[in-house]
Amino acid sequence: MSVIAVHAVITPKPEHVDTVQAEMLNMVRASRQEAGNLRYDLLREDKDGAVRFHVQERYRDQAAAQAHRDSEHYKAYRAKAGDWFASAPEVTVLQEIDVA
């Protein structure tokens, strides 16, 4: 099994924090239903008056990760979210070494 782990950091503009959180919760629900999804978690960081969302994702393999990026809910989110971010999302694909 070649599990794909992804960590994304999303920094919304202050006026879009609530919208981004609501839309990300929709992404959580839809992504967890994907056949190759093993985990999709949303976390919030409040620091020095700024909010960042962290998304931790795990997929069965590369094909499952690609299926997520090709999904209708992902495409719809990306199409809506363009103006909501203070900076481009930081997405890192990670190699798992020892994960419980």
C-alpha atoms as a PDB file:
ATOM      1  CA  MET A   1       0.000   0.000   0.000  1.00  0.00           C
ATOM      2  CA  SER A   2       1.489   3.333  -1.027  1.00  0.00           C
ATOM      3  CA  VAL A   3      -0.542   5.735   1.081  1.00  0.00           C
ATOM      4  CA  ILE A   4      -0.484   9.377  -0.009  1.00  0.00           C
ATOM      5  CA  ALA A   5      -0.478  11.929   2.809  1.00  0.00           C
ATOM      6  CA  VAL A   6      -1.247  15.572   2.099  1.00  0.00           C
ATOM      7  CA  HIS A   7      -1.069  18.576   4.404  1.00  0.00           C
ATOM      8  CA  ALA A   8      -2.604  21.831   3.197  1.00  0.00           C
ATOM      9  CA  VAL A   9      -2.557  25.229   4.885  1.00  0.00           C
ATOM     10  CA  ILE A  10      -5.248  27.682   3.851  1.00  0.00           C
ATOM     11  CA  THR A  11      -5.070  31.333   4.904  1.00  0.00           C
ATOM     12  CA  PRO A  12      -8.340  33.141   4.250  1.00  0.00           C
ATOM     13  CA  LYS A  13      -8.752  36.881   4.092  1.00  0.00           C
ATOM     14  CA  PRO A  14     -10.264  38.057   7.425  1.00  0.00           C
ATOM     15  CA  GLU A  15     -13.610  38.863   5.826  1.00  0.00           C
ATOM     16  CA  HIS A  16     -13.865  35.340   4.370  1.00  0.00           C
ATOM     17  CA  VAL A  17     -12.956  33.224   7.425  1.00  0.00           C
ATOM     18  CA  ASP A  18     -16.527  32.080   8.115  1.00  0.00           C
ATOM     19  CA  THR A  19     -17.203  31.353   4.436  1.00  0.00           C
ATOM     20  CA  VAL A  20     -14.003  29.342   4.042  1.00  0.00           C
ATOM     21  CA  GLN A  21     -14.732  27.353   7.202  1.00  0.00           C
ATOM     22  CA  ALA A  22     -18.285  26.549   6.062  1.00  0.00           C
ATOM     23  CA  GLU A  23     -17.113  25.522   2.590  1.00  0.00           C
ATOM     24  CA  MET A  24     -14.276  23.446   4.020  1.00  0.00           C
ATOM     25  CA  LEU A  25     -16.744  21.593   6.247  1.00  0.00           C
ATOM     26  CA  ASN A  26     -18.663  20.720   3.066  1.00  0.00           C
ATOM     27  CA  MET A  27     -15.378  19.479   1.568  1.00  0.00           C
ATOM     28  CA  VAL A  28     -14.758  17.346   4.671  1.00  0.00           C
ATOM     29  CA  ARG A  29     -18.132  15.616   4.380  1.00  0.00           C
ATOM     30  CA  ALA A  30     -17.839  14.994   0.634  1.00  0.00           C
ATOM     31  CA  SER A  31     -14.170  13.953   0.698  1.00  0.00           C
ATOM     32  CA  ARG A  32     -14.712  11.411   3.470  1.00  0.00           C
ATOM     33  CA  GLN A  33     -17.201   9.674   1.159  1.00  0.00           C
ATOM     34  CA  GLU A  34     -14.618   9.120  -1.586  1.00  0.00           C
ATOM     35  CA  ALA A  35     -13.737   5.449  -2.077  1.00  0.00           C
ATOM     36  CA  GLY A  36      -9.974   5.961  -1.759  1.00  0.00           C
ATOM     37  CA  ASN A  37     -10.043   8.457   1.099  1.00  0.00           C
ATOM     38  CA  LEU A  38      -8.622   7.166   4.377  1.00  0.00           C
ATOM     39  CA  ARG A  39      -8.760  10.427   6.338  1.00  0.00           C
ATOM     40  CA  TYR A  40      -9.739  14.057   5.799  1.00  0.00           C
ATOM     41  CA  ASP A  41      -9.414  16.301   8.844  1.00  0.00           C
ATOM     42  CA  LEU A  42      -9.924  20.055   9.195  1.00  0.00           C
ATOM     43  CA  LEU A  43      -8.152  22.019  11.925  1.00  0.00           C
ATOM     44  CA  ARG A  44      -8.206  25.743  12.725  1.00  0.00           C
ATOM     45  CA  GLU A  45      -5.299  27.856  13.941  1.00  0.00           C
ATOM     46  CA  ASP A  46      -5.983  31.264  15.518  1.00  0.00           C
ATOM     47  CA  LYS A  47      -2.734  33.141  16.082  1.00  0.00           C
ATOM     48  CA  ASP A  48      -2.016  36.851  16.474  1.00  0.00           C
ATOM     49  CA  GLY A  49      -5.413  37.795  15.086  1.00  0.00           C
ATOM     50  CA  ALA A  50      -5.047  35.675  11.953  1.00  0.00           C
ATOM     51  CA  VAL A  51      -6.786  32.417  11.071  1.00  0.00           C
ATOM     52  CA  ARG A  52      -5.288  29.542   9.121  1.00  0.00           C
ATOM     53  CA  PHE A  53      -6.954  26.235   8.336  1.00  0.00           C
ATOM     54  CA  HIS A  54      -4.946  23.030   8.192  1.00  0.00           C
ATOM     55  CA  VAL A  55      -6.232  20.070   6.212  1.00  0.00           C
ATOM     56  CA  GLN A  56      -4.713  16.648   6.814  1.00  0.00           C
ATOM     57  CA  GLU A  57      -5.569  14.113   4.133  1.00  0.00           C
ATOM     58  CA  ARG A  58      -4.710  10.459   3.524  1.00  0.00           C
ATOM     59  CA  TYR A  59      -5.481   8.522   0.372  1.00  0.00           C
ATOM     60  CA  ARG A  60      -5.133   4.828  -0.418  1.00  0.00           C
ATOM     61  CA  ASP A  61      -2.798   5.571  -3.333  1.00  0.00           C
ATOM     62  CA  GLN A  62      -1.936   8.135  -6.008  1.00  0.00           C
ATOM     63  CA  ALA A  63      -5.018   7.237  -8.047  1.00  0.00           C
ATOM     64  CA  ALA A  64      -7.261   8.013  -5.062  1.00  0.00           C
ATOM     65  CA  ALA A  65      -5.514  11.351  -4.507  1.00  0.00           C
ATOM     66  CA  GLN A  66      -6.043  12.188  -8.180  1.00  0.00           C
ATOM     67  CA  ALA A  67      -9.691  11.118  -7.964  1.00  0.00           C
ATOM     68  CA  HIS A  68     -10.099  13.640  -5.131  1.00  0.00           C
ATOM     69  CA  ARG A  69      -8.619  16.442  -7.264  1.00  0.00           C
ATOM     70  CA  ASP A  70     -10.907  15.383 -10.135  1.00  0.00           C
ATOM     71  CA  SER A  71     -14.056  15.218  -7.975  1.00  0.00           C
ATOM     72  CA  GLU A  72     -16.944  17.579  -8.604  1.00  0.00           C
ATOM     73  CA  HIS A  73     -16.944  18.868  -5.018  1.00  0.00           C
ATOM     74  CA  TYR A  74     -13.227  19.732  -5.200  1.00  0.00           C
ATOM     75  CA  LYS A  75     -13.608  21.498  -8.549  1.00  0.00           C
ATOM     76  CA  ALA A  76     -16.662  23.411  -7.296  1.00  0.00           C
ATOM     77  CA  TYR A  77     -14.805  24.540  -4.157  1.00  0.00           C
ATOM     78  CA  ARG A  78     -11.764  25.690  -6.154  1.00  0.00           C
ATOM     79  CA  ALA A  79     -13.984  27.589  -8.602  1.00  0.00           C
ATOM     80  CA  LYS A  80     -15.681  29.500  -5.763  1.00  0.00           C
ATOM     81  CA  ALA A  81     -12.689  30.075  -3.503  1.00  0.00           C
ATOM     82  CA  GLY A  82     -10.374  32.052  -5.776  1.00  0.00           C
ATOM     83  CA  ASP A  83     -10.876  35.429  -4.088  1.00  0.00           C
ATOM     84  CA  TRP A  84     -11.176  34.189  -0.510  1.00  0.00           C
ATOM     85  CA  PHE A  85      -7.485  33.621   0.241  1.00  0.00           C
ATOM     86  CA  ALA A  86      -4.858  36.001   1.615  1.00  0.00           C
ATOM     87  CA  SER A  87      -2.223  33.835  -0.079  1.00  0.00           C
ATOM     88  CA  ALA A  88      -2.132  30.726  -2.222  1.00  0.00           C
ATOM     89  CA  PRO A  89      -2.827  27.496  -0.304  1.00  0.00           C
ATOM     90  CA  GLU A  90       0.351  25.702   0.766  1.00  0.00           C
ATOM     91  CA  VAL A  91       0.029  22.031  -0.185  1.00  0.00           C
ATOM     92  CA  THR A  92       2.647  19.472   0.809  1.00  0.00           C
ATOM     93  CA  VAL A  93       2.644  15.805  -0.192  1.00  0.00           C
ATOM     94  CA  LEU A  94       4.332  13.782   2.526  1.00  0.00           C
ATOM     95  CA  GLN A  95       5.920  10.350   2.814  1.00  0.00           C
ATOM     96  CA  GLU A  96       4.666   8.482   5.853  1.00  0.00           C
ATOM     97  CA  ILE A  97       7.422   7.011   8.002  1.00  0.00           C
ATOM     98  CA  ASP A  98       5.639   5.871  11.192  1.00  0.00           C
ATOM     99  CA  VAL A  99       1.955   6.763  11.471  1.00  0.00           C
ATOM    100  CA  ALA A 100      -0.548   5.296  13.930  1.00  0.00           C
END
